[in-house]
mmCIF file of all heavy atoms, coordinates in Angstrom:
data_MODEL
# 
_entry.id   MODEL 
# 
loop_
_atom_site.group_PDB 
_atom_site.id 
_atom_site.type_symbol 
_atom_site.label_atom_id 
_atom_site.label_alt_id 
_atom_site.label_comp_id 
_atom_site.label_asym_id 
_atom_site.label_entity_id 
_atom_site.label_seq_id 
_atom_site.pdbx_PDB_ins_code 
_atom_site.Cartn_x 
_atom_site.Cartn_y 
_atom_site.Cartn_z 
_atom_site.occupancy 
_atom_site.B_iso_or_equiv 
_atom_site.pdbx_formal_charge 
_atom_site.auth_seq_id 
_atom_site.auth_comp_id 
_atom_site.auth_asym_id 
_atom_site.auth_atom_id 
_atom_site.pdbx_PDB_model_num 
ATOM 1   N N   . LEU A 1 1  ? -13.132 -1.443  -18.155 1.00 0.00 ? 1  LEU A N   1 
ATOM 2   C CA  . LEU A 1 1  ? -12.053 -0.998  -17.364 1.00 0.00 ? 1  LEU A CA  1 
ATOM 3   C C   . LEU A 1 1  ? -11.954 -1.646  -15.980 1.00 0.00 ? 1  LEU A C   1 
ATOM 4   O O   . LEU A 1 1  ? -10.847 -1.655  -15.399 1.00 0.00 ? 1  LEU A O   1 
ATOM 5   C CB  . LEU A 1 1  ? -12.235 0.536   -17.143 1.00 0.00 ? 1  LEU A CB  1 
ATOM 6   C CG  . LEU A 1 1  ? -12.229 1.412   -18.458 1.00 0.00 ? 1  LEU A CG  1 
ATOM 7   C CD1 . LEU A 1 1  ? -12.556 2.869   -18.086 1.00 0.00 ? 1  LEU A CD1 1 
ATOM 8   C CD2 . LEU A 1 1  ? -10.908 1.264   -19.118 1.00 0.00 ? 1  LEU A CD2 1 
ATOM 9   N N   . ARG A 1 2  ? -12.948 -2.251  -15.514 1.00 0.00 ? 2  ARG A N   1 
ATOM 10  C CA  . ARG A 1 2  ? -12.893 -2.985  -14.239 1.00 0.00 ? 2  ARG A CA  1 
ATOM 11  C C   . ARG A 1 2  ? -12.567 -4.486  -14.467 1.00 0.00 ? 2  ARG A C   1 
ATOM 12  O O   . ARG A 1 2  ? -12.485 -5.180  -13.446 1.00 0.00 ? 2  ARG A O   1 
ATOM 13  C CB  . ARG A 1 2  ? -14.238 -2.847  -13.515 1.00 0.00 ? 2  ARG A CB  1 
ATOM 14  C CG  . ARG A 1 2  ? -14.585 -1.396  -13.062 1.00 0.00 ? 2  ARG A CG  1 
ATOM 15  C CD  . ARG A 1 2  ? -15.878 -1.285  -12.398 1.00 0.00 ? 2  ARG A CD  1 
ATOM 16  N NE  . ARG A 1 2  ? -15.780 -2.059  -11.186 1.00 0.00 ? 2  ARG A NE  1 
ATOM 17  C CZ  . ARG A 1 2  ? -16.875 -2.625  -10.536 1.00 0.00 ? 2  ARG A CZ  1 
ATOM 18  N NH1 . ARG A 1 2  ? -18.056 -2.464  -11.174 1.00 0.00 ? 2  ARG A NH1 1 
ATOM 19  N NH2 . ARG A 1 2  ? -16.764 -3.305  -9.496  1.00 0.00 ? 2  ARG A NH2 1 
ATOM 20  N N   . SER A 1 3  ? -12.417 -4.858  -15.640 1.00 0.00 ? 3  SER A N   1 
ATOM 21  C CA  . SER A 1 3  ? -12.157 -6.261  -15.941 1.00 0.00 ? 3  SER A CA  1 
ATOM 22  C C   . SER A 1 3  ? -10.745 -6.647  -15.411 1.00 0.00 ? 3  SER A C   1 
ATOM 23  O O   . SER A 1 3  ? -9.789  -5.956  -15.578 1.00 0.00 ? 3  SER A O   1 
ATOM 24  C CB  . SER A 1 3  ? -12.136 -6.461  -17.459 1.00 0.00 ? 3  SER A CB  1 
ATOM 25  O OG  . SER A 1 3  ? -11.520 -7.731  -17.823 1.00 0.00 ? 3  SER A OG  1 
ATOM 26  N N   . PRO A 1 4  ? -10.676 -7.835  -14.777 1.00 0.00 ? 4  PRO A N   1 
ATOM 27  C CA  . PRO A 1 4  ? -9.425  -8.241  -14.261 1.00 0.00 ? 4  PRO A CA  1 
ATOM 28  C C   . PRO A 1 4  ? -8.349  -8.486  -15.368 1.00 0.00 ? 4  PRO A C   1 
ATOM 29  O O   . PRO A 1 4  ? -7.156  -8.320  -15.218 1.00 0.00 ? 4  PRO A O   1 
ATOM 30  C CB  . PRO A 1 4  ? -9.695  -9.556  -13.479 1.00 0.00 ? 4  PRO A CB  1 
ATOM 31  C CG  . PRO A 1 4  ? -11.025 -9.952  -13.874 1.00 0.00 ? 4  PRO A CG  1 
ATOM 32  C CD  . PRO A 1 4  ? -11.719 -8.752  -14.360 1.00 0.00 ? 4  PRO A CD  1 
ATOM 33  N N   . TRP A 1 5  ? -8.869  -8.876  -16.541 1.00 0.00 ? 5  TRP A N   1 
ATOM 34  C CA  . TRP A 1 5  ? -7.944  -9.155  -17.637 1.00 0.00 ? 5  TRP A CA  1 
ATOM 35  C C   . TRP A 1 5  ? -7.265  -7.867  -18.117 1.00 0.00 ? 5  TRP A C   1 
ATOM 36  O O   . TRP A 1 5  ? -6.106  -7.795  -18.362 1.00 0.00 ? 5  TRP A O   1 
ATOM 37  C CB  . TRP A 1 5  ? -8.637  -9.829  -18.851 1.00 0.00 ? 5  TRP A CB  1 
ATOM 38  C CG  . TRP A 1 5  ? -9.160  -11.196 -18.505 1.00 0.00 ? 5  TRP A CG  1 
ATOM 39  C CD1 . TRP A 1 5  ? -10.427 -11.520 -18.232 1.00 0.00 ? 5  TRP A CD1 1 
ATOM 40  C CD2 . TRP A 1 5  ? -8.377  -12.327 -18.267 1.00 0.00 ? 5  TRP A CD2 1 
ATOM 41  N NE1 . TRP A 1 5  ? -10.544 -12.798 -17.898 1.00 0.00 ? 5  TRP A NE1 1 
ATOM 42  C CE2 . TRP A 1 5  ? -9.275  -13.338 -17.880 1.00 0.00 ? 5  TRP A CE2 1 
ATOM 43  C CE3 . TRP A 1 5  ? -6.981  -12.615 -18.280 1.00 0.00 ? 5  TRP A CE3 1 
ATOM 44  C CZ2 . TRP A 1 5  ? -8.839  -14.645 -17.639 1.00 0.00 ? 5  TRP A CZ2 1 
ATOM 45  C CZ3 . TRP A 1 5  ? -6.566  -13.885 -18.025 1.00 0.00 ? 5  TRP A CZ3 1 
ATOM 46  C CH2 . TRP A 1 5  ? -7.500  -14.849 -17.682 1.00 0.00 ? 5  TRP A CH2 1 
ATOM 47  N N   . PHE A 1 6  ? -8.136  -6.760  -18.143 1.00 0.00 ? 6  PHE A N   1 
ATOM 48  C CA  . PHE A 1 6  ? -7.514  -5.472  -18.445 1.00 0.00 ? 6  PHE A CA  1 
ATOM 49  C C   . PHE A 1 6  ? -6.606  -4.935  -17.478 1.00 0.00 ? 6  PHE A C   1 
ATOM 50  O O   . PHE A 1 6  ? -5.508  -4.418  -17.816 1.00 0.00 ? 6  PHE A O   1 
ATOM 51  C CB  . PHE A 1 6  ? -8.693  -4.494  -18.645 1.00 0.00 ? 6  PHE A CB  1 
ATOM 52  C CG  . PHE A 1 6  ? -8.260  -3.045  -19.014 1.00 0.00 ? 6  PHE A CG  1 
ATOM 53  C CD1 . PHE A 1 6  ? -7.852  -2.761  -20.233 1.00 0.00 ? 6  PHE A CD1 1 
ATOM 54  C CD2 . PHE A 1 6  ? -8.303  -2.061  -18.087 1.00 0.00 ? 6  PHE A CD2 1 
ATOM 55  C CE1 . PHE A 1 6  ? -7.409  -1.535  -20.589 1.00 0.00 ? 6  PHE A CE1 1 
ATOM 56  C CE2 . PHE A 1 6  ? -7.856  -0.779  -18.379 1.00 0.00 ? 6  PHE A CE2 1 
ATOM 57  C CZ  . PHE A 1 6  ? -7.499  -0.461  -19.606 1.00 0.00 ? 6  PHE A CZ  1 
ATOM 58  N N   . MET A 1 7  ? -6.865  -5.146  -16.193 1.00 0.00 ? 7  MET A N   1 
ATOM 59  C CA  . MET A 1 7  ? -5.975  -4.758  -15.171 1.00 0.00 ? 7  MET A CA  1 
ATOM 60  C C   . MET A 1 7  ? -4.589  -5.469  -15.225 1.00 0.00 ? 7  MET A C   1 
ATOM 61  O O   . MET A 1 7  ? -3.515  -4.922  -15.018 1.00 0.00 ? 7  MET A O   1 
ATOM 62  C CB  . MET A 1 7  ? -6.562  -4.974  -13.755 1.00 0.00 ? 7  MET A CB  1 
ATOM 63  C CG  . MET A 1 7  ? -7.791  -4.089  -13.577 1.00 0.00 ? 7  MET A CG  1 
ATOM 64  S SD  . MET A 1 7  ? -8.435  -4.299  -11.898 1.00 0.00 ? 7  MET A SD  1 
ATOM 65  C CE  . MET A 1 7  ? -9.961  -3.422  -11.989 1.00 0.00 ? 7  MET A CE  1 
ATOM 66  N N   . ILE A 1 8  ? -4.689  -6.765  -15.502 1.00 0.00 ? 8  ILE A N   1 
ATOM 67  C CA  . ILE A 1 8  ? -3.408  -7.520  -15.631 1.00 0.00 ? 8  ILE A CA  1 
ATOM 68  C C   . ILE A 1 8  ? -2.626  -7.032  -16.838 1.00 0.00 ? 8  ILE A C   1 
ATOM 69  O O   . ILE A 1 8  ? -1.411  -6.943  -16.796 1.00 0.00 ? 8  ILE A O   1 
ATOM 70  C CB  . ILE A 1 8  ? -3.722  -9.108  -15.802 1.00 0.00 ? 8  ILE A CB  1 
ATOM 71  C CG1 . ILE A 1 8  ? -4.240  -9.547  -14.485 1.00 0.00 ? 8  ILE A CG1 1 
ATOM 72  C CG2 . ILE A 1 8  ? -2.532  -9.808  -16.218 1.00 0.00 ? 8  ILE A CG2 1 
ATOM 73  C CD1 . ILE A 1 8  ? -4.781  -11.043 -14.570 1.00 0.00 ? 8  ILE A CD1 1 
ATOM 74  N N   . ALA A 1 9  ? -3.326  -6.747  -17.957 1.00 0.00 ? 9  ALA A N   1 
ATOM 75  C CA  . ALA A 1 9  ? -2.705  -6.226  -19.151 1.00 0.00 ? 9  ALA A CA  1 
ATOM 76  C C   . ALA A 1 9  ? -1.984  -4.907  -18.855 1.00 0.00 ? 9  ALA A C   1 
ATOM 77  O O   . ALA A 1 9  ? -0.835  -4.713  -19.260 1.00 0.00 ? 9  ALA A O   1 
ATOM 78  C CB  . ALA A 1 9  ? -3.702  -6.021  -20.274 1.00 0.00 ? 9  ALA A CB  1 
ATOM 79  N N   . VAL A 1 10 ? -2.605  -3.986  -18.180 1.00 0.00 ? 10 VAL A N   1 
ATOM 80  C CA  . VAL A 1 10 ? -1.981  -2.689  -17.784 1.00 0.00 ? 10 VAL A CA  1 
ATOM 81  C C   . VAL A 1 10 ? -0.824  -2.897  -16.914 1.00 0.00 ? 10 VAL A C   1 
ATOM 82  O O   . VAL A 1 10 ? 0.272   -2.340  -17.106 1.00 0.00 ? 10 VAL A O   1 
ATOM 83  C CB  . VAL A 1 10 ? -2.965  -1.771  -17.127 1.00 0.00 ? 10 VAL A CB  1 
ATOM 84  C CG1 . VAL A 1 10 ? -2.356  -0.518  -16.600 1.00 0.00 ? 10 VAL A CG1 1 
ATOM 85  C CG2 . VAL A 1 10 ? -4.100  -1.362  -18.133 1.00 0.00 ? 10 VAL A CG2 1 
ATOM 86  N N   . LEU A 1 11 ? -0.914  -3.835  -15.960 1.00 0.00 ? 11 LEU A N   1 
ATOM 87  C CA  . LEU A 1 11 ? 0.198   -4.145  -15.058 1.00 0.00 ? 11 LEU A CA  1 
ATOM 88  C C   . LEU A 1 11 ? 1.385   -4.710  -15.823 1.00 0.00 ? 11 LEU A C   1 
ATOM 89  O O   . LEU A 1 11 ? 2.557   -4.351  -15.621 1.00 0.00 ? 11 LEU A O   1 
ATOM 90  C CB  . LEU A 1 11 ? -0.230  -5.088  -14.029 1.00 0.00 ? 11 LEU A CB  1 
ATOM 91  C CG  . LEU A 1 11 ? 0.838   -5.563  -13.000 1.00 0.00 ? 11 LEU A CG  1 
ATOM 92  C CD1 . LEU A 1 11 ? 1.259   -4.407  -12.114 1.00 0.00 ? 11 LEU A CD1 1 
ATOM 93  C CD2 . LEU A 1 11 ? 0.357   -6.707  -12.133 1.00 0.00 ? 11 LEU A CD2 1 
ATOM 94  N N   . LEU A 1 12 ? 1.177   -5.591  -16.821 1.00 0.00 ? 12 LEU A N   1 
ATOM 95  C CA  . LEU A 1 12 ? 2.212   -6.210  -17.592 1.00 0.00 ? 12 LEU A CA  1 
ATOM 96  C C   . LEU A 1 12 ? 2.968   -5.050  -18.407 1.00 0.00 ? 12 LEU A C   1 
ATOM 97  O O   . LEU A 1 12 ? 4.161   -5.097  -18.653 1.00 0.00 ? 12 LEU A O   1 
ATOM 98  C CB  . LEU A 1 12 ? 1.741   -7.302  -18.408 1.00 0.00 ? 12 LEU A CB  1 
ATOM 99  C CG  . LEU A 1 12 ? 1.403   -8.574  -17.676 1.00 0.00 ? 12 LEU A CG  1 
ATOM 100 C CD1 . LEU A 1 12 ? 0.725   -9.598  -18.631 1.00 0.00 ? 12 LEU A CD1 1 
ATOM 101 C CD2 . LEU A 1 12 ? 2.628   -9.148  -17.038 1.00 0.00 ? 12 LEU A CD2 1 
ATOM 102 N N   . LEU A 1 13 ? 2.103   -4.215  -19.075 1.00 0.00 ? 13 LEU A N   1 
ATOM 103 C CA  . LEU A 1 13 ? 2.614   -3.131  -19.878 1.00 0.00 ? 13 LEU A CA  1 
ATOM 104 C C   . LEU A 1 13 ? 3.522   -2.170  -19.059 1.00 0.00 ? 13 LEU A C   1 
ATOM 105 O O   . LEU A 1 13 ? 4.643   -1.839  -19.496 1.00 0.00 ? 13 LEU A O   1 
ATOM 106 C CB  . LEU A 1 13 ? 1.510   -2.349  -20.591 1.00 0.00 ? 13 LEU A CB  1 
ATOM 107 C CG  . LEU A 1 13 ? 0.811   -3.135  -21.729 1.00 0.00 ? 13 LEU A CG  1 
ATOM 108 C CD1 . LEU A 1 13 ? -0.434  -2.327  -22.122 1.00 0.00 ? 13 LEU A CD1 1 
ATOM 109 C CD2 . LEU A 1 13 ? 1.702   -3.363  -22.913 1.00 0.00 ? 13 LEU A CD2 1 
ATOM 110 N N   . VAL A 1 14 ? 3.042   -1.838  -17.908 1.00 0.00 ? 14 VAL A N   1 
ATOM 111 C CA  . VAL A 1 14 ? 3.827   -0.932  -17.041 1.00 0.00 ? 14 VAL A CA  1 
ATOM 112 C C   . VAL A 1 14 ? 5.134   -1.623  -16.560 1.00 0.00 ? 14 VAL A C   1 
ATOM 113 O O   . VAL A 1 14 ? 6.185   -0.964  -16.563 1.00 0.00 ? 14 VAL A O   1 
ATOM 114 C CB  . VAL A 1 14 ? 2.945   -0.403  -15.900 1.00 0.00 ? 14 VAL A CB  1 
ATOM 115 C CG1 . VAL A 1 14 ? 3.818   0.280   -14.876 1.00 0.00 ? 14 VAL A CG1 1 
ATOM 116 C CG2 . VAL A 1 14 ? 1.849   0.446   -16.444 1.00 0.00 ? 14 VAL A CG2 1 
ATOM 117 N N   . ALA A 1 15 ? 5.021   -2.910  -16.198 1.00 0.00 ? 15 ALA A N   1 
ATOM 118 C CA  . ALA A 1 15 ? 6.235   -3.560  -15.745 1.00 0.00 ? 15 ALA A CA  1 
ATOM 119 C C   . ALA A 1 15 ? 7.212   -3.725  -16.914 1.00 0.00 ? 15 ALA A C   1 
ATOM 120 O O   . ALA A 1 15 ? 8.447   -3.558  -16.647 1.00 0.00 ? 15 ALA A O   1 
ATOM 121 C CB  . ALA A 1 15 ? 5.860   -4.951  -15.209 1.00 0.00 ? 15 ALA A CB  1 
ATOM 122 N N   . GLY A 1 16 ? 6.793   -3.959  -18.079 1.00 0.00 ? 16 GLY A N   1 
ATOM 123 C CA  . GLY A 1 16 ? 7.653   -4.047  -19.211 1.00 0.00 ? 16 GLY A CA  1 
ATOM 124 C C   . GLY A 1 16 ? 8.328   -2.785  -19.525 1.00 0.00 ? 16 GLY A C   1 
ATOM 125 O O   . GLY A 1 16 ? 9.528   -2.702  -19.824 1.00 0.00 ? 16 GLY A O   1 
ATOM 126 N N   . ALA A 1 17 ? 7.600   -1.658  -19.478 1.00 0.00 ? 17 ALA A N   1 
ATOM 127 C CA  . ALA A 1 17 ? 8.141   -0.356  -19.722 1.00 0.00 ? 17 ALA A CA  1 
ATOM 128 C C   . ALA A 1 17 ? 9.171   -0.013  -18.633 1.00 0.00 ? 17 ALA A C   1 
ATOM 129 O O   . ALA A 1 17 ? 10.242  0.600   -18.909 1.00 0.00 ? 17 ALA A O   1 
ATOM 130 C CB  . ALA A 1 17 ? 7.081   0.740   -19.796 1.00 0.00 ? 17 ALA A CB  1 
ATOM 131 N N   . PHE A 1 18 ? 8.905   -0.356  -17.419 1.00 0.00 ? 18 PHE A N   1 
ATOM 132 C CA  . PHE A 1 18 ? 9.915   -0.165  -16.286 1.00 0.00 ? 18 PHE A CA  1 
ATOM 133 C C   . PHE A 1 18 ? 11.180  -0.963  -16.545 1.00 0.00 ? 18 PHE A C   1 
ATOM 134 O O   . PHE A 1 18 ? 12.285  -0.434  -16.325 1.00 0.00 ? 18 PHE A O   1 
ATOM 135 C CB  . PHE A 1 18 ? 9.215   -0.659  -14.944 1.00 0.00 ? 18 PHE A CB  1 
ATOM 136 C CG  . PHE A 1 18 ? 10.232  -0.527  -13.804 1.00 0.00 ? 18 PHE A CG  1 
ATOM 137 C CD1 . PHE A 1 18 ? 10.474  0.670   -13.185 1.00 0.00 ? 18 PHE A CD1 1 
ATOM 138 C CD2 . PHE A 1 18 ? 10.832  -1.682  -13.319 1.00 0.00 ? 18 PHE A CD2 1 
ATOM 139 C CE1 . PHE A 1 18 ? 11.370  0.840   -12.140 1.00 0.00 ? 18 PHE A CE1 1 
ATOM 140 C CE2 . PHE A 1 18 ? 11.748  -1.588  -12.257 1.00 0.00 ? 18 PHE A CE2 1 
ATOM 141 C CZ  . PHE A 1 18 ? 11.926  -0.393  -11.723 1.00 0.00 ? 18 PHE A CZ  1 
ATOM 142 N N   . LEU A 1 19 ? 11.042  -2.229  -16.943 1.00 0.00 ? 19 LEU A N   1 
ATOM 143 C CA  . LEU A 1 19 ? 12.289  -3.036  -17.164 1.00 0.00 ? 19 LEU A CA  1 
ATOM 144 C C   . LEU A 1 19 ? 13.070  -2.554  -18.394 1.00 0.00 ? 19 LEU A C   1 
ATOM 145 O O   . LEU A 1 19 ? 14.280  -2.676  -18.374 1.00 0.00 ? 19 LEU A O   1 
ATOM 146 C CB  . LEU A 1 19 ? 11.834  -4.459  -17.464 1.00 0.00 ? 19 LEU A CB  1 
ATOM 147 C CG  . LEU A 1 19 ? 11.407  -5.258  -16.192 1.00 0.00 ? 19 LEU A CG  1 
ATOM 148 C CD1 . LEU A 1 19 ? 11.010  -6.681  -16.578 1.00 0.00 ? 19 LEU A CD1 1 
ATOM 149 C CD2 . LEU A 1 19 ? 12.452  -5.224  -15.111 1.00 0.00 ? 19 LEU A CD2 1 
ATOM 150 N N   . LEU A 1 20 ? 12.400  -1.894  -19.320 1.00 0.00 ? 20 LEU A N   1 
ATOM 151 C CA  . LEU A 1 20 ? 13.119  -1.318  -20.443 1.00 0.00 ? 20 LEU A CA  1 
ATOM 152 C C   . LEU A 1 20 ? 13.832  -0.034  -20.025 1.00 0.00 ? 20 LEU A C   1 
ATOM 153 O O   . LEU A 1 20 ? 14.942  0.282   -20.496 1.00 0.00 ? 20 LEU A O   1 
ATOM 154 C CB  . LEU A 1 20 ? 12.170  -1.015  -21.643 1.00 0.00 ? 20 LEU A CB  1 
ATOM 155 C CG  . LEU A 1 20 ? 11.798  -2.201  -22.520 1.00 0.00 ? 20 LEU A CG  1 
ATOM 156 C CD1 . LEU A 1 20 ? 10.771  -1.751  -23.466 1.00 0.00 ? 20 LEU A CD1 1 
ATOM 157 C CD2 . LEU A 1 20 ? 13.023  -2.806  -23.197 1.00 0.00 ? 20 LEU A CD2 1 
ATOM 158 N N   . ALA A 1 21 ? 13.215  0.744   -19.178 1.00 0.00 ? 21 ALA A N   1 
ATOM 159 C CA  . ALA A 1 21 ? 13.716  2.071   -18.874 1.00 0.00 ? 21 ALA A CA  1 
ATOM 160 C C   . ALA A 1 21 ? 14.791  2.071   -17.774 1.00 0.00 ? 21 ALA A C   1 
ATOM 161 O O   . ALA A 1 21 ? 15.811  2.692   -17.824 1.00 0.00 ? 21 ALA A O   1 
ATOM 162 C CB  . ALA A 1 21 ? 12.539  2.999   -18.535 1.00 0.00 ? 21 ALA A CB  1 
ATOM 163 N N   . VAL A 1 22 ? 14.516  1.399   -16.656 1.00 0.00 ? 22 VAL A N   1 
ATOM 164 C CA  . VAL A 1 22 ? 15.318  1.530   -15.483 1.00 0.00 ? 22 VAL A CA  1 
ATOM 165 C C   . VAL A 1 22 ? 16.535  0.618   -15.520 1.00 0.00 ? 22 VAL A C   1 
ATOM 166 O O   . VAL A 1 22 ? 17.632  1.014   -15.546 1.00 0.00 ? 22 VAL A O   1 
ATOM 167 C CB  . VAL A 1 22 ? 14.539  1.421   -14.184 1.00 0.00 ? 22 VAL A CB  1 
ATOM 168 C CG1 . VAL A 1 22 ? 15.401  1.484   -12.973 1.00 0.00 ? 22 VAL A CG1 1 
ATOM 169 C CG2 . VAL A 1 22 ? 13.373  2.520   -14.148 1.00 0.00 ? 22 VAL A CG2 1 
ATOM 170 N N   . PRO A 1 23 ? 16.384  -0.733  -15.430 1.00 0.00 ? 23 PRO A N   1 
ATOM 171 C CA  . PRO A 1 23 ? 17.530  -1.565  -15.454 1.00 0.00 ? 23 PRO A CA  1 
ATOM 172 C C   . PRO A 1 23 ? 18.030  -1.877  -16.905 1.00 0.00 ? 23 PRO A C   1 
ATOM 173 O O   . PRO A 1 23 ? 19.086  -2.490  -17.014 1.00 0.00 ? 23 PRO A O   1 
ATOM 174 C CB  . PRO A 1 23 ? 17.098  -2.880  -14.786 1.00 0.00 ? 23 PRO A CB  1 
ATOM 175 C CG  . PRO A 1 23 ? 15.632  -2.906  -14.943 1.00 0.00 ? 23 PRO A CG  1 
ATOM 176 C CD  . PRO A 1 23 ? 15.155  -1.578  -15.042 1.00 0.00 ? 23 PRO A CD  1 
ATOM 177 N N   . GLN A 1 24 ? 17.257  -1.491  -17.892 1.00 0.00 ? 24 GLN A N   1 
ATOM 178 C CA  . GLN A 1 24 ? 17.563  -1.593  -19.305 1.00 0.00 ? 24 GLN A CA  1 
ATOM 179 C C   . GLN A 1 24 ? 17.794  -3.165  -19.663 1.00 0.00 ? 24 GLN A C   1 
ATOM 180 O O   . GLN A 1 24 ? 18.754  -3.512  -20.244 1.00 0.00 ? 24 GLN A O   1 
ATOM 181 C CB  . GLN A 1 24 ? 18.797  -0.843  -19.686 1.00 0.00 ? 24 GLN A CB  1 
ATOM 182 C CG  . GLN A 1 24 ? 18.583  0.672   -19.590 1.00 0.00 ? 24 GLN A CG  1 
ATOM 183 C CD  . GLN A 1 24 ? 19.822  1.459   -19.903 1.00 0.00 ? 24 GLN A CD  1 
ATOM 184 O OE1 . GLN A 1 24 ? 20.893  0.877   -20.128 1.00 0.00 ? 24 GLN A OE1 1 
ATOM 185 N NE2 . GLN A 1 24 ? 19.627  2.787   -19.962 1.00 0.00 ? 24 GLN A NE2 1 
ATOM 186 N N   . TRP A 1 25 ? 16.699  -3.880  -19.312 1.00 0.00 ? 25 TRP A N   1 
ATOM 187 C CA  . TRP A 1 25 ? 16.714  -5.301  -19.657 1.00 0.00 ? 25 TRP A CA  1 
ATOM 188 C C   . TRP A 1 25 ? 15.764  -5.471  -20.879 1.00 0.00 ? 25 TRP A C   1 
ATOM 189 O O   . TRP A 1 25 ? 14.539  -5.491  -20.695 1.00 0.00 ? 25 TRP A O   1 
ATOM 190 C CB  . TRP A 1 25 ? 16.183  -6.152  -18.580 1.00 0.00 ? 25 TRP A CB  1 
ATOM 191 C CG  . TRP A 1 25 ? 17.155  -6.150  -17.412 1.00 0.00 ? 25 TRP A CG  1 
ATOM 192 C CD1 . TRP A 1 25 ? 18.412  -5.862  -17.351 1.00 0.00 ? 25 TRP A CD1 1 
ATOM 193 C CD2 . TRP A 1 25 ? 16.789  -6.589  -15.994 1.00 0.00 ? 25 TRP A CD2 1 
ATOM 194 N NE1 . TRP A 1 25 ? 18.946  -6.034  -16.109 1.00 0.00 ? 25 TRP A NE1 1 
ATOM 195 C CE2 . TRP A 1 25 ? 17.982  -6.431  -15.238 1.00 0.00 ? 25 TRP A CE2 1 
ATOM 196 C CE3 . TRP A 1 25 ? 15.627  -7.033  -15.410 1.00 0.00 ? 25 TRP A CE3 1 
ATOM 197 C CZ2 . TRP A 1 25 ? 17.986  -6.733  -13.934 1.00 0.00 ? 25 TRP A CZ2 1 
ATOM 198 C CZ3 . TRP A 1 25 ? 15.666  -7.405  -14.128 1.00 0.00 ? 25 TRP A CZ3 1 
ATOM 199 C CH2 . TRP A 1 25 ? 16.801  -7.211  -13.331 1.00 0.00 ? 25 TRP A CH2 1 
ATOM 200 N N   . PRO A 1 26 ? 16.264  -5.543  -22.113 1.00 0.00 ? 26 PRO A N   1 
ATOM 201 C CA  . PRO A 1 26 ? 15.363  -5.543  -23.298 1.00 0.00 ? 26 PRO A CA  1 
ATOM 202 C C   . PRO A 1 26 ? 14.514  -6.758  -23.411 1.00 0.00 ? 26 PRO A C   1 
ATOM 203 O O   . PRO A 1 26 ? 13.373  -6.726  -23.788 1.00 0.00 ? 26 PRO A O   1 
ATOM 204 C CB  . PRO A 1 26 ? 16.315  -5.311  -24.453 1.00 0.00 ? 26 PRO A CB  1 
ATOM 205 C CG  . PRO A 1 26 ? 17.612  -5.762  -24.020 1.00 0.00 ? 26 PRO A CG  1 
ATOM 206 C CD  . PRO A 1 26 ? 17.646  -5.568  -22.554 1.00 0.00 ? 26 PRO A CD  1 
ATOM 207 N N   . VAL A 1 27 ? 15.057  -7.939  -23.279 1.00 0.00 ? 27 VAL A N   1 
ATOM 208 C CA  . VAL A 1 27 ? 14.376  -9.209  -23.467 1.00 0.00 ? 27 VAL A CA  1 
ATOM 209 C C   . VAL A 1 27 ? 13.124  -9.395  -22.484 1.00 0.00 ? 27 VAL A C   1 
ATOM 210 O O   . VAL A 1 27 ? 12.073  -9.545  -22.976 1.00 0.00 ? 27 VAL A O   1 
ATOM 211 C CB  . VAL A 1 27 ? 15.307  -10.418 -23.434 1.00 0.00 ? 27 VAL A CB  1 
ATOM 212 C CG1 . VAL A 1 27 ? 14.538  -11.697 -23.644 1.00 0.00 ? 27 VAL A CG1 1 
ATOM 213 C CG2 . VAL A 1 27 ? 16.364  -10.302 -24.557 1.00 0.00 ? 27 VAL A CG2 1 
ATOM 214 N N   . PRO A 1 28 ? 13.331  -9.255  -21.201 1.00 0.00 ? 28 PRO A N   1 
ATOM 215 C CA  . PRO A 1 28 ? 12.145  -9.501  -20.341 1.00 0.00 ? 28 PRO A CA  1 
ATOM 216 C C   . PRO A 1 28 ? 11.255  -8.207  -20.464 1.00 0.00 ? 28 PRO A C   1 
ATOM 217 O O   . PRO A 1 28 ? 10.020  -8.427  -20.329 1.00 0.00 ? 28 PRO A O   1 
ATOM 218 C CB  . PRO A 1 28 ? 12.718  -9.530  -18.932 1.00 0.00 ? 28 PRO A CB  1 
ATOM 219 C CG  . PRO A 1 28 ? 14.108  -9.245  -19.001 1.00 0.00 ? 28 PRO A CG  1 
ATOM 220 C CD  . PRO A 1 28 ? 14.582  -9.327  -20.406 1.00 0.00 ? 28 PRO A CD  1 
# 
């Protein structure tokens, strides 16, 4: 859980969910 690779993965997943939900940009 303290791994930097895991932290980057979580950040990318959250950013992707945000881009799908708020501005509704499906490709990015």
